[in-house]
Protein backbone atom coordinates (compact mmCIF):
# COMPACT_ATOMS: atom_id res chain seq x y z
CA MET A 1 117.32 121.86 97.62
CA PRO A 2 115.16 119.03 96.26
CA ASN A 3 111.90 117.93 97.68
CA LEU A 4 110.96 115.41 100.37
CA ILE A 5 108.50 112.99 99.11
CA SER A 6 106.62 110.73 101.59
CA PHE A 7 104.61 107.93 99.96
CA ASP A 8 101.67 106.20 101.52
CA ILE A 9 101.64 102.45 100.47
CA ASP A 10 98.37 100.87 100.11
CA GLY A 11 96.34 102.33 97.40
CA THR A 12 99.31 104.78 96.47
CA LEU A 13 102.30 102.59 95.36
CA VAL A 14 101.90 99.81 92.92
CA THR A 15 103.32 97.42 95.58
CA GLY A 16 100.41 98.18 97.86
CA ASN A 17 97.70 95.92 99.04
CA GLY A 18 95.31 97.53 96.70
CA PRO A 19 97.84 98.59 94.11
CA GLY A 20 98.09 102.34 93.56
CA PRO A 21 99.14 104.36 90.54
CA ILE A 22 102.62 105.44 91.60
CA THR A 23 105.05 103.15 89.83
CA LEU A 24 108.43 102.01 90.89
CA GLU A 25 109.91 103.79 87.97
CA MET A 26 108.50 107.00 89.27
CA VAL A 27 109.91 106.48 92.64
CA ARG A 28 113.38 105.65 91.30
CA ARG A 29 113.36 108.73 89.04
CA ALA A 30 112.45 111.02 92.03
CA GLN A 31 115.41 109.48 94.08
CA GLU A 32 117.78 109.73 90.99
CA GLN A 33 116.73 113.38 90.59
CA GLY A 34 117.90 113.99 94.23
CA HIS A 35 114.61 114.08 96.10
CA THR A 36 114.50 112.51 99.54
CA ILE A 37 111.93 109.68 99.52
CA GLY A 38 110.43 107.31 101.94
CA SER A 39 107.21 105.92 103.26
CA CYS A 40 104.71 106.89 105.97
CA SER A 41 102.08 104.27 106.24
CA ASP A 42 99.77 102.47 108.58
CA ARG A 43 101.93 99.40 108.04
CA PRO A 44 104.43 98.54 110.72
CA VAL A 45 107.89 100.00 109.96
CA THR A 46 109.33 96.48 109.63
CA ASP A 47 106.79 95.65 106.87
CA GLN A 48 107.66 98.95 105.19
CA LYS A 49 111.46 98.22 105.22
CA ASN A 50 110.83 94.75 103.98
CA MET A 51 108.66 96.08 101.00
CA TRP A 52 111.46 98.61 100.00
CA ALA A 53 114.17 96.00 100.20
CA THR A 54 112.39 93.14 98.48
CA LEU A 55 109.75 94.63 96.19
CA ILE A 56 111.22 98.05 95.22
CA GLY A 57 114.96 97.42 95.61
CA LEU A 58 115.66 101.10 96.82
CA GLU A 59 117.00 102.30 100.03
CA PRO A 60 114.56 104.93 101.37
CA SER A 61 115.63 107.75 103.69
CA PHE A 62 112.80 107.05 106.10
CA THR A 63 110.06 104.56 107.02
CA VAL A 64 107.65 105.80 109.77
CA LEU A 65 104.21 105.39 110.76
CA LYS A 66 101.83 108.01 109.27
CA HIS A 67 101.19 109.90 112.60
CA ARG A 68 105.03 110.34 112.85
CA LEU A 69 105.39 112.63 109.83
CA ASP A 70 106.67 115.44 112.05
CA THR A 71 109.64 113.30 112.96
CA VAL A 72 110.58 113.19 109.23
CA MET A 73 110.52 116.89 108.85
CA ALA A 74 112.60 117.41 111.96
CA GLN A 75 115.12 114.82 110.66
CA TYR A 76 115.41 116.25 107.08
CA PRO A 77 115.20 120.05 107.36
CA GLY A 78 115.71 122.55 104.65
CA HIS A 79 113.88 120.93 101.74
CA ASP A 80 112.02 123.16 99.30
CA ASN A 81 108.83 121.27 99.82
CA TYR A 82 107.53 118.46 102.04
CA TYR A 83 104.95 116.25 100.13
CA HIS A 84 102.91 113.26 101.38
CA ILE A 85 101.18 111.42 98.54
CA GLY A 86 98.35 109.31 99.68
CA ASP A 87 94.86 108.23 98.88
CA THR A 88 92.79 108.60 101.99
CA ASP A 89 91.43 111.42 104.34
CA MET A 90 93.74 109.86 107.05
CA ASP A 91 96.72 110.71 104.80
CA LYS A 92 95.49 114.27 104.30
CA HIS A 93 94.85 114.61 107.99
CA PHE A 94 98.37 113.67 109.08
CA ALA A 95 100.08 115.52 106.23
CA GLN A 96 98.28 118.83 107.06
CA LEU A 97 98.76 118.34 110.74
CA HIS A 98 102.48 118.10 110.26
CA ASN A 99 102.70 120.86 107.59
CA PHE A 100 103.22 118.61 104.59
CA THR A 101 101.61 119.42 101.35
CA PHE A 102 99.09 116.55 100.77
CA GLU A 103 98.77 115.20 97.21
CA GLN A 104 95.67 113.11 96.57
CA VAL A 105 97.12 110.47 94.36
CA GLN A 106 93.85 110.15 92.29
CA THR A 107 93.78 113.71 91.28
CA MET A 108 97.25 115.23 91.82
CA ASP A 109 98.87 116.99 88.95
CA PRO A 110 101.92 115.00 87.88
CA HIS A 111 105.28 116.22 89.02
CA ALA A 112 108.44 116.40 86.82
CA TRP A 113 109.87 113.23 88.51
CA MET A 114 106.79 111.22 87.26
CA ALA A 115 107.50 111.75 83.63
CA ASN A 116 109.61 109.23 81.66
CA ASP A 117 112.28 110.10 79.08
CA ASN A 118 109.54 110.91 76.56
CA GLY A 119 107.80 113.32 78.84
CA GLU A 120 104.92 110.89 79.45
CA VAL A 121 103.33 110.03 82.84
CA LEU A 122 102.43 106.45 82.84
CA TRP A 123 100.43 105.52 85.89
CA GLY A 124 100.34 102.09 87.19
CA PRO A 125 98.34 99.33 85.65
CA GLN A 126 95.34 99.89 87.85
CA GLY A 127 95.16 103.55 86.80
CA ARG A 128 94.39 106.30 89.31
CA GLY A 129 90.87 104.95 90.30
CA ALA A 130 88.00 106.88 91.99
CA LEU A 131 88.23 108.99 94.99
CA PRO A 132 87.18 107.26 98.13
CA ASN A 133 83.42 107.21 98.29
CA THR A 134 82.84 108.88 95.06
CA THR A 135 81.61 105.77 93.44
CA VAL A 136 78.48 105.72 95.50
CA LEU A 137 77.81 109.41 94.95
CA VAL A 138 78.07 109.15 91.19
CA GLU A 139 75.68 106.19 91.32
CA GLN A 140 73.23 108.28 93.55
CA LEU A 141 73.43 111.24 91.18
CA GLY A 142 72.98 109.19 88.18
CA ALA A 143 75.05 109.08 84.96
CA ASN A 144 73.40 112.08 83.49
CA ALA A 145 74.03 114.51 86.44
CA VAL A 146 76.08 117.58 85.73
CA GLY A 147 79.84 116.79 86.57
CA ALA A 148 79.10 113.16 86.86
CA THR A 149 81.69 110.84 85.40
CA ALA A 150 81.70 107.15 84.66
CA ALA A 151 82.53 105.18 87.75
CA PRO A 152 83.80 101.77 88.00
CA ALA A 153 81.25 99.03 88.43
CA GLN A 154 82.94 97.85 91.62
CA ASP A 155 83.88 100.00 94.74
CA THR A 156 87.55 100.70 94.08
CA ASN A 157 87.92 102.02 97.68
CA GLY A 158 87.76 98.47 99.25
CA LEU A 159 86.02 99.62 102.34
CA THR A 160 84.94 96.09 102.95
CA ASP A 161 88.43 94.68 102.75
CA PRO A 162 89.83 94.16 106.29
CA ASN A 163 93.45 94.87 104.97
CA ASP A 164 92.37 98.32 103.76
CA GLU A 165 93.79 101.36 105.54
CA TYR A 166 90.34 102.49 106.63
CA ALA A 167 89.95 99.14 108.55
CA GLY A 168 93.32 99.80 110.14
CA GLY A 169 95.23 97.40 107.82
């Protein structure tokens, strides 16, 4: 049986407040390939449903608050894998709490449904960005530190943004 794929919105999907790297084409391909898709976010369920209807134009199988991932698994039993794709420690916490495989969007290996007809994975226009809090760490270590990579000039985590998921938005 196909997989169930739960998407966080902000920082994960291109339609998020803080656009993420998962494109609408990727989501459409996942659904066309028979995967069960939906969103588990901090956003109110009504906002999630409106986003799917107006910005994405797909009918998701589920839209729930992040802490209710367990209800998704109960409602859709028998999938090969249950994934939650997100960008924060909160996503990871609830995914693991409810026995979902957590995929950190900034570092995950691409899945087959992400590839276009040419076999390319074309991330959203913002790219995948830095992991939360890594920009500061790289700056503290300095550019010549072993394993350090170039970091964006600004904090891509948006911790000061009141609409960011860390701030409860």
